[in-house]
Structure formats: structure tokens, C-alpha cells
Amino acid sequence: MSSTYEEKAVRIVTFDGSKEKWQMWSRKFLAVAMRRGYQDILLGKLKPQGTDEALDPDDAANFLKIEVREKNTKAHGDLILARKDDIAFGLVDEACTEVLPKKNALLAWSKLKSKYEGNKITTM
């Protein structure tokens, strides 16, 4: 008997929550995001509209909206899977807004950056 269910391995660059490893991890994660097609979500260049609004996939006008939503979902999912510590997991898990009540990858990324990058002051 054959099954239509196919299991695939998902490889994620994990983060342990240490500030010392943030810079390297974040650069690696952005590289992976670029390869997977959702880097612009994390950088705020693409912003999904509300995920609760039903969109007709057969309507050509909705194609970009649906694609951006899918990228946001993928980015948020990978950020959740990459978390190894409770604090970072909580920051990502609680990243939601009125417009994106279930998942907001840009907000999650921003919260992580704020927590682990902090305020860098460059001196000459």
C-alpha cells in the first residue's frame, strides 16, 4: 500500500541563545533565508498582509499577497525550529501583531536582534 505522505528532513541552523554566538548565527540564518527565498521578509522589504483574510488563489491579483504570506510562514517556522533556549523561543513564539495574529517573522527577527545585538557603539 502506498502513502501520499512523504517525510522530509528539514535542516535548520540552530541558536543556543548566547550573545557571543549571535553575530555568526544571524549571518548564517540570513544566508539560509536568502537561499530559501524569505530573506526580504526578515529584512522588512516584504510585508505580509493579514493571514486571516481569505484570498482566492485563482485571482491573479492575490498571487503576490499569497506568496508573501507563505514566505512569512516559512521564515517564522524556521525561526521557531532554530531556537534551542527558552528565552529566544519565547521571543519568536510571541511575535504576533493585530495584522499578523499567528506569526510575524519580521517582528520575531527584530526582537531577536534587539535582545542579542543590543546597542553597539562604534568608537574610532
N, C-alpha and C. Protein backbone atom coordinates (compact mmCIF):
# COMPACT_ATOMS: atom_id res chain seq x y z
N MET A 1 0.84 -1.17 0.00
CA MET A 1 0.00 0.00 0.00
C MET A 1 0.89 1.24 0.00
N SER A 2 0.63 2.17 -0.90
CA SER A 2 1.44 3.38 -0.96
C SER A 2 0.74 4.51 -0.23
N SER A 3 1.53 5.41 0.27
CA SER A 3 1.01 6.54 1.01
C SER A 3 1.34 7.83 0.28
N THR A 4 0.46 8.81 0.38
CA THR A 4 0.74 10.09 -0.25
C THR A 4 1.55 10.98 0.68
N TYR A 5 1.75 10.54 1.89
CA TYR A 5 2.52 11.30 2.89
C TYR A 5 4.00 11.03 2.67
N GLU A 6 4.76 12.09 2.55
CA GLU A 6 6.20 11.97 2.37
C GLU A 6 6.90 12.76 3.45
N GLU A 7 7.81 12.13 4.15
CA GLU A 7 8.54 12.81 5.21
C GLU A 7 9.87 13.30 4.66
N LYS A 8 10.19 14.55 4.98
CA LYS A 8 11.45 15.13 4.53
C LYS A 8 12.21 15.67 5.73
N ALA A 9 13.51 15.63 5.64
CA ALA A 9 14.35 16.19 6.68
C ALA A 9 14.45 17.69 6.46
N VAL A 10 14.34 18.44 7.55
CA VAL A 10 14.48 19.88 7.49
C VAL A 10 15.74 20.23 8.26
N ARG A 11 16.68 20.88 7.60
CA ARG A 11 17.93 21.26 8.24
C ARG A 11 17.85 22.72 8.64
N ILE A 12 18.08 22.95 9.91
CA ILE A 12 17.98 24.29 10.48
C ILE A 12 19.28 24.62 11.20
N VAL A 13 19.74 25.85 11.03
CA VAL A 13 20.91 26.34 11.75
C VAL A 13 20.39 26.79 13.12
N THR A 14 20.76 26.07 14.18
CA THR A 14 20.21 26.36 15.50
C THR A 14 21.01 27.42 16.24
N PHE A 15 20.33 28.06 17.19
CA PHE A 15 20.93 29.12 18.00
C PHE A 15 20.70 28.79 19.47
N ASP A 16 21.79 28.84 20.25
CA ASP A 16 21.71 28.46 21.66
C ASP A 16 21.35 29.60 22.60
N GLY A 17 21.20 30.80 22.08
CA GLY A 17 20.80 31.92 22.91
C GLY A 17 21.94 32.71 23.52
N SER A 18 23.17 32.43 23.13
CA SER A 18 24.29 33.17 23.71
C SER A 18 24.62 34.38 22.84
N LYS A 19 24.83 35.52 23.49
CA LYS A 19 25.16 36.75 22.76
C LYS A 19 26.45 36.60 21.96
N GLU A 20 27.37 35.80 22.47
CA GLU A 20 28.66 35.61 21.80
C GLU A 20 28.49 34.95 20.43
N LYS A 21 27.47 34.12 20.28
CA LYS A 21 27.29 33.39 19.02
C LYS A 21 26.25 34.04 18.11
N TRP A 22 25.61 35.10 18.57
CA TRP A 22 24.56 35.74 17.79
C TRP A 22 25.04 36.21 16.41
N GLN A 23 26.15 36.93 16.37
CA GLN A 23 26.59 37.52 15.11
C GLN A 23 26.80 36.44 14.04
N MET A 24 27.52 35.39 14.38
CA MET A 24 27.76 34.34 13.40
C MET A 24 26.45 33.63 13.04
N TRP A 25 25.65 33.29 14.05
CA TRP A 25 24.39 32.59 13.77
C TRP A 25 23.47 33.44 12.91
N SER A 26 23.32 34.71 13.24
CA SER A 26 22.39 35.56 12.49
C SER A 26 22.82 35.69 11.03
N ARG A 27 24.11 35.79 10.77
CA ARG A 27 24.60 35.88 9.39
C ARG A 27 24.33 34.56 8.65
N LYS A 28 24.54 33.44 9.33
CA LYS A 28 24.25 32.15 8.71
C LYS A 28 22.76 31.99 8.44
N PHE A 29 21.94 32.42 9.40
CA PHE A 29 20.50 32.28 9.22
C PHE A 29 20.03 33.14 8.05
N LEU A 30 20.57 34.36 7.92
CA LEU A 30 20.20 35.21 6.79
C LEU A 30 20.64 34.60 5.46
N ALA A 31 21.78 33.92 5.46
CA ALA A 31 22.25 33.24 4.24
C ALA A 31 21.28 32.11 3.87
N VAL A 32 20.86 31.36 4.86
CA VAL A 32 19.87 30.30 4.62
C VAL A 32 18.56 30.92 4.14
N ALA A 33 18.16 32.03 4.77
CA ALA A 33 16.92 32.72 4.40
C ALA A 33 16.97 33.17 2.94
N MET A 34 18.12 33.63 2.51
CA MET A 34 18.27 34.05 1.12
C MET A 34 18.07 32.85 0.19
N ARG A 35 18.68 31.73 0.53
CA ARG A 35 18.56 30.53 -0.31
C ARG A 35 17.14 29.98 -0.33
N ARG A 36 16.43 30.15 0.80
CA ARG A 36 15.06 29.63 0.89
C ARG A 36 14.02 30.64 0.41
N GLY A 37 14.46 31.85 0.09
CA GLY A 37 13.58 32.82 -0.52
C GLY A 37 12.79 33.72 0.41
N TYR A 38 13.16 33.79 1.69
CA TYR A 38 12.40 34.65 2.60
C TYR A 38 13.26 35.69 3.32
N GLN A 39 14.44 35.97 2.85
CA GLN A 39 15.30 36.97 3.47
C GLN A 39 14.63 38.35 3.48
N ASP A 40 13.92 38.69 2.41
CA ASP A 40 13.27 40.00 2.34
C ASP A 40 12.18 40.17 3.39
N ILE A 41 11.61 39.08 3.86
CA ILE A 41 10.64 39.15 4.96
C ILE A 41 11.37 39.59 6.23
N LEU A 42 12.50 38.94 6.53
CA LEU A 42 13.26 39.24 7.75
C LEU A 42 13.84 40.65 7.73
N LEU A 43 14.15 41.16 6.56
CA LEU A 43 14.72 42.49 6.44
C LEU A 43 13.66 43.58 6.28
N GLY A 44 12.39 43.20 6.25
CA GLY A 44 11.31 44.16 6.16
C GLY A 44 11.05 44.71 4.76
N LYS A 45 11.66 44.11 3.76
CA LYS A 45 11.45 44.57 2.37
C LYS A 45 10.11 44.08 1.82
N LEU A 46 9.63 42.94 2.34
CA LEU A 46 8.32 42.41 2.00
C LEU A 46 7.54 42.29 3.31
N LYS A 47 6.29 42.76 3.29
CA LYS A 47 5.47 42.69 4.50
C LYS A 47 4.14 42.03 4.17
N PRO A 48 3.88 40.89 4.79
CA PRO A 48 2.62 40.21 4.52
C PRO A 48 1.43 40.96 5.11
N GLN A 49 0.31 40.85 4.42
CA GLN A 49 -0.92 41.40 4.95
C GLN A 49 -1.57 40.34 5.80
N GLY A 50 -2.63 40.67 6.49
CA GLY A 50 -3.28 39.77 7.44
C GLY A 50 -3.46 38.35 6.95
N THR A 51 -3.15 37.40 7.80
CA THR A 51 -3.23 35.99 7.43
C THR A 51 -4.63 35.42 7.62
N ASP A 52 -5.52 36.15 8.28
CA ASP A 52 -6.87 35.63 8.50
C ASP A 52 -7.80 35.94 7.33
N GLU A 53 -7.41 36.88 6.50
CA GLU A 53 -8.23 37.25 5.35
C GLU A 53 -8.11 36.16 4.28
N ALA A 54 -9.24 35.64 3.85
CA ALA A 54 -9.24 34.60 2.83
C ALA A 54 -8.94 35.23 1.47
N LEU A 55 -8.01 34.64 0.75
CA LEU A 55 -7.66 35.12 -0.58
C LEU A 55 -7.90 34.01 -1.59
N ASP A 56 -8.50 34.36 -2.70
CA ASP A 56 -8.75 33.40 -3.77
C ASP A 56 -7.45 33.17 -4.54
N PRO A 57 -6.89 31.96 -4.47
CA PRO A 57 -5.61 31.69 -5.16
C PRO A 57 -5.74 31.74 -6.69
N ASP A 58 -6.95 31.65 -7.21
CA ASP A 58 -7.15 31.70 -8.65
C ASP A 58 -7.18 33.14 -9.18
N ASP A 59 -7.28 34.09 -8.27
CA ASP A 59 -7.29 35.51 -8.65
C ASP A 59 -5.84 35.97 -8.78
N ALA A 60 -5.45 36.38 -9.98
CA ALA A 60 -4.06 36.79 -10.24
C ALA A 60 -3.63 37.94 -9.35
N ALA A 61 -4.55 38.78 -8.95
CA ALA A 61 -4.21 39.92 -8.09
C ALA A 61 -3.75 39.48 -6.70
N ASN A 62 -4.09 38.28 -6.32
CA ASN A 62 -3.72 37.78 -4.99
C ASN A 62 -2.42 36.99 -4.98
N PHE A 63 -1.85 36.74 -6.14
CA PHE A 63 -0.66 35.89 -6.22
C PHE A 63 0.47 36.39 -5.32
N LEU A 64 0.83 37.66 -5.42
CA LEU A 64 1.93 38.20 -4.62
C LEU A 64 1.59 38.17 -3.13
N LYS A 65 0.37 38.51 -2.77
CA LYS A 65 -0.04 38.50 -1.36
C LYS A 65 0.11 37.10 -0.77
N ILE A 66 -0.34 36.11 -1.52
CA ILE A 66 -0.25 34.72 -1.05
C ILE A 66 1.20 34.28 -0.95
N GLU A 67 2.01 34.65 -1.92
CA GLU A 67 3.43 34.28 -1.90
C GLU A 67 4.14 34.90 -0.70
N VAL A 68 3.86 36.16 -0.40
CA VAL A 68 4.49 36.84 0.74
C VAL A 68 4.03 36.20 2.05
N ARG A 69 2.76 35.84 2.14
CA ARG A 69 2.26 35.14 3.34
C ARG A 69 3.00 33.82 3.54
N GLU A 70 3.18 33.08 2.46
CA GLU A 70 3.87 31.79 2.55
C GLU A 70 5.33 31.96 2.99
N LYS A 71 5.98 33.01 2.48
CA LYS A 71 7.37 33.28 2.88
C LYS A 71 7.43 33.64 4.36
N ASN A 72 6.48 34.43 4.84
CA ASN A 72 6.42 34.78 6.25
C ASN A 72 6.24 33.54 7.11
N THR A 73 5.35 32.66 6.69
CA THR A 73 5.10 31.41 7.43
C THR A 73 6.36 30.55 7.48
N LYS A 74 7.04 30.43 6.36
CA LYS A 74 8.28 29.66 6.30
C LYS A 74 9.36 30.26 7.20
N ALA A 75 9.52 31.56 7.12
CA ALA A 75 10.53 32.25 7.93
C ALA A 75 10.24 32.09 9.42
N HIS A 76 9.01 32.28 9.81
CA HIS A 76 8.64 32.15 11.22
C HIS A 76 8.84 30.71 11.69
N GLY A 77 8.45 29.76 10.87
CA GLY A 77 8.63 28.35 11.22
C GLY A 77 10.09 27.99 11.42
N ASP A 78 10.95 28.47 10.54
CA ASP A 78 12.38 28.18 10.67
C ASP A 78 12.97 28.87 11.90
N LEU A 79 12.49 30.08 12.21
CA LEU A 79 12.96 30.76 13.43
C LEU A 79 12.56 29.97 14.68
N ILE A 80 11.35 29.44 14.70
CA ILE A 80 10.90 28.63 15.83
C ILE A 80 11.78 27.38 15.97
N LEU A 81 12.02 26.70 14.85
CA LEU A 81 12.82 25.47 14.88
C LEU A 81 14.28 25.73 15.26
N ALA A 82 14.78 26.92 14.98
CA ALA A 82 16.18 27.24 15.25
C ALA A 82 16.45 27.53 16.72
N ARG A 83 15.45 27.77 17.51
CA ARG A 83 15.60 28.14 18.91
C ARG A 83 15.92 26.92 19.78
N LYS A 84 16.97 27.04 20.57
CA LYS A 84 17.35 25.98 21.49
C LYS A 84 17.15 26.39 22.95
N ASP A 85 16.92 27.68 23.20
CA ASP A 85 16.74 28.12 24.58
C ASP A 85 15.36 28.73 24.76
N ASP A 86 14.87 28.74 25.98
CA ASP A 86 13.51 29.19 26.28
C ASP A 86 13.29 30.67 25.98
N ILE A 87 14.27 31.52 26.27
CA ILE A 87 14.09 32.95 26.08
C ILE A 87 13.93 33.28 24.59
N ALA A 88 14.85 32.80 23.77
CA ALA A 88 14.78 33.07 22.33
C ALA A 88 13.52 32.45 21.73
N PHE A 89 13.17 31.25 22.19
CA PHE A 89 11.94 30.61 21.70
C PHE A 89 10.73 31.48 22.02
N GLY A 90 10.67 31.98 23.24
CA GLY A 90 9.56 32.83 23.65
C GLY A 90 9.46 34.10 22.82
N LEU A 91 10.61 34.71 22.52
CA LEU A 91 10.60 35.92 21.70
C LEU A 91 9.99 35.66 20.33
N VAL A 92 10.32 34.54 19.74
CA VAL A 92 9.80 34.20 18.41
C VAL A 92 8.34 33.76 18.51
N ASP A 93 8.05 32.92 19.48
CA ASP A 93 6.71 32.37 19.63
C ASP A 93 5.67 33.46 19.89
N GLU A 94 6.05 34.50 20.61
CA GLU A 94 5.10 35.56 20.96
C GLU A 94 5.10 36.71 19.96
N ALA A 95 5.79 36.57 18.85
CA ALA A 95 5.87 37.64 17.85
C ALA A 95 4.63 37.63 16.96
N CYS A 96 3.63 38.36 17.40
CA CYS A 96 2.41 38.48 16.61
C CYS A 96 1.87 39.90 16.76
N THR A 97 1.08 40.30 15.80
CA THR A 97 0.51 41.64 15.79
C THR A 97 -0.97 41.53 15.44
N GLU A 98 -1.66 42.65 15.44
CA GLU A 98 -3.06 42.65 15.04
C GLU A 98 -3.19 42.21 13.59
N VAL A 99 -2.28 42.68 12.74
CA VAL A 99 -2.33 42.35 11.32
C VAL A 99 -1.92 40.89 11.09
N LEU A 100 -0.94 40.41 11.85
CA LEU A 100 -0.46 39.03 11.74
C LEU A 100 -0.59 38.36 13.11
N PRO A 101 -1.80 37.93 13.47
CA PRO A 101 -2.05 37.41 14.81
C PRO A 101 -1.42 36.04 15.10
N LYS A 102 -1.02 35.32 14.07
CA LYS A 102 -0.48 33.97 14.30
C LYS A 102 1.04 33.92 14.23
N LYS A 103 1.62 34.68 13.32
CA LYS A 103 3.08 34.63 13.16
C LYS A 103 3.56 35.86 12.39
N ASN A 104 4.59 36.49 12.91
CA ASN A 104 5.15 37.66 12.27
C ASN A 104 6.67 37.51 12.31
N ALA A 105 7.23 37.03 11.21
CA ALA A 105 8.66 36.73 11.15
C ALA A 105 9.51 37.99 11.30
N LEU A 106 9.08 39.10 10.72
CA LEU A 106 9.85 40.34 10.85
C LEU A 106 9.91 40.79 12.31
N LEU A 107 8.78 40.74 13.01
CA LEU A 107 8.77 41.11 14.43
C LEU A 107 9.64 40.15 15.24
N ALA A 108 9.57 38.86 14.95
CA ALA A 108 10.39 37.88 15.66
C ALA A 108 11.87 38.18 15.45
N TRP A 109 12.26 38.43 14.20
CA TRP A 109 13.66 38.73 13.88
C TRP A 109 14.10 40.01 14.59
N SER A 110 13.24 41.02 14.59
CA SER A 110 13.56 42.29 15.25
C SER A 110 13.74 42.11 16.76
N LYS A 111 12.89 41.30 17.36
CA LYS A 111 13.00 41.03 18.81
C LYS A 111 14.32 40.31 19.12
N LEU A 112 14.67 39.35 18.29
CA LEU A 112 15.93 38.63 18.50
C LEU A 112 17.13 39.58 18.36
N LYS A 113 17.10 40.41 17.32
CA LYS A 113 18.20 41.37 17.12
C LYS A 113 18.31 42.31 18.31
N SER A 114 17.18 42.80 18.77
CA SER A 114 17.18 43.72 19.90
C SER A 114 17.76 43.06 21.15
N LYS A 115 17.40 41.82 21.38
CA LYS A 115 17.87 41.09 22.57
C LYS A 115 19.35 40.74 22.47
N TYR A 116 19.80 40.26 21.32
CA TYR A 116 21.15 39.70 21.24
C TYR A 116 22.19 40.64 20.64
N GLU A 117 21.77 41.59 19.83
CA GLU A 117 22.74 42.56 19.31
C GLU A 117 22.92 43.71 20.28
N GLY A 118 21.84 44.12 20.89
CA GLY A 118 21.91 45.24 21.82
C GLY A 118 22.28 46.51 21.10
N ASN A 119 22.74 47.48 21.85
CA ASN A 119 23.19 48.76 21.29
C ASN A 119 24.67 48.73 21.11
N LYS A 120 25.10 48.65 19.85
CA LYS A 120 26.53 48.64 19.56
C LYS A 120 27.01 50.06 19.34
N ILE A 121 28.02 50.44 20.07
CA ILE A 121 28.60 51.77 19.91
C ILE A 121 29.97 51.58 19.31
N THR A 122 30.20 52.21 18.17
CA THR A 122 31.49 52.10 17.49
C THR A 122 32.34 53.32 17.84
N THR A 123 33.56 53.05 18.25
CA THR A 123 34.49 54.16 18.54
C THR A 123 35.61 54.14 17.54
N MET A 124 36.19 55.30 17.32
CA MET A 124 37.29 55.38 16.35
C MET A 124 38.58 55.57 17.07
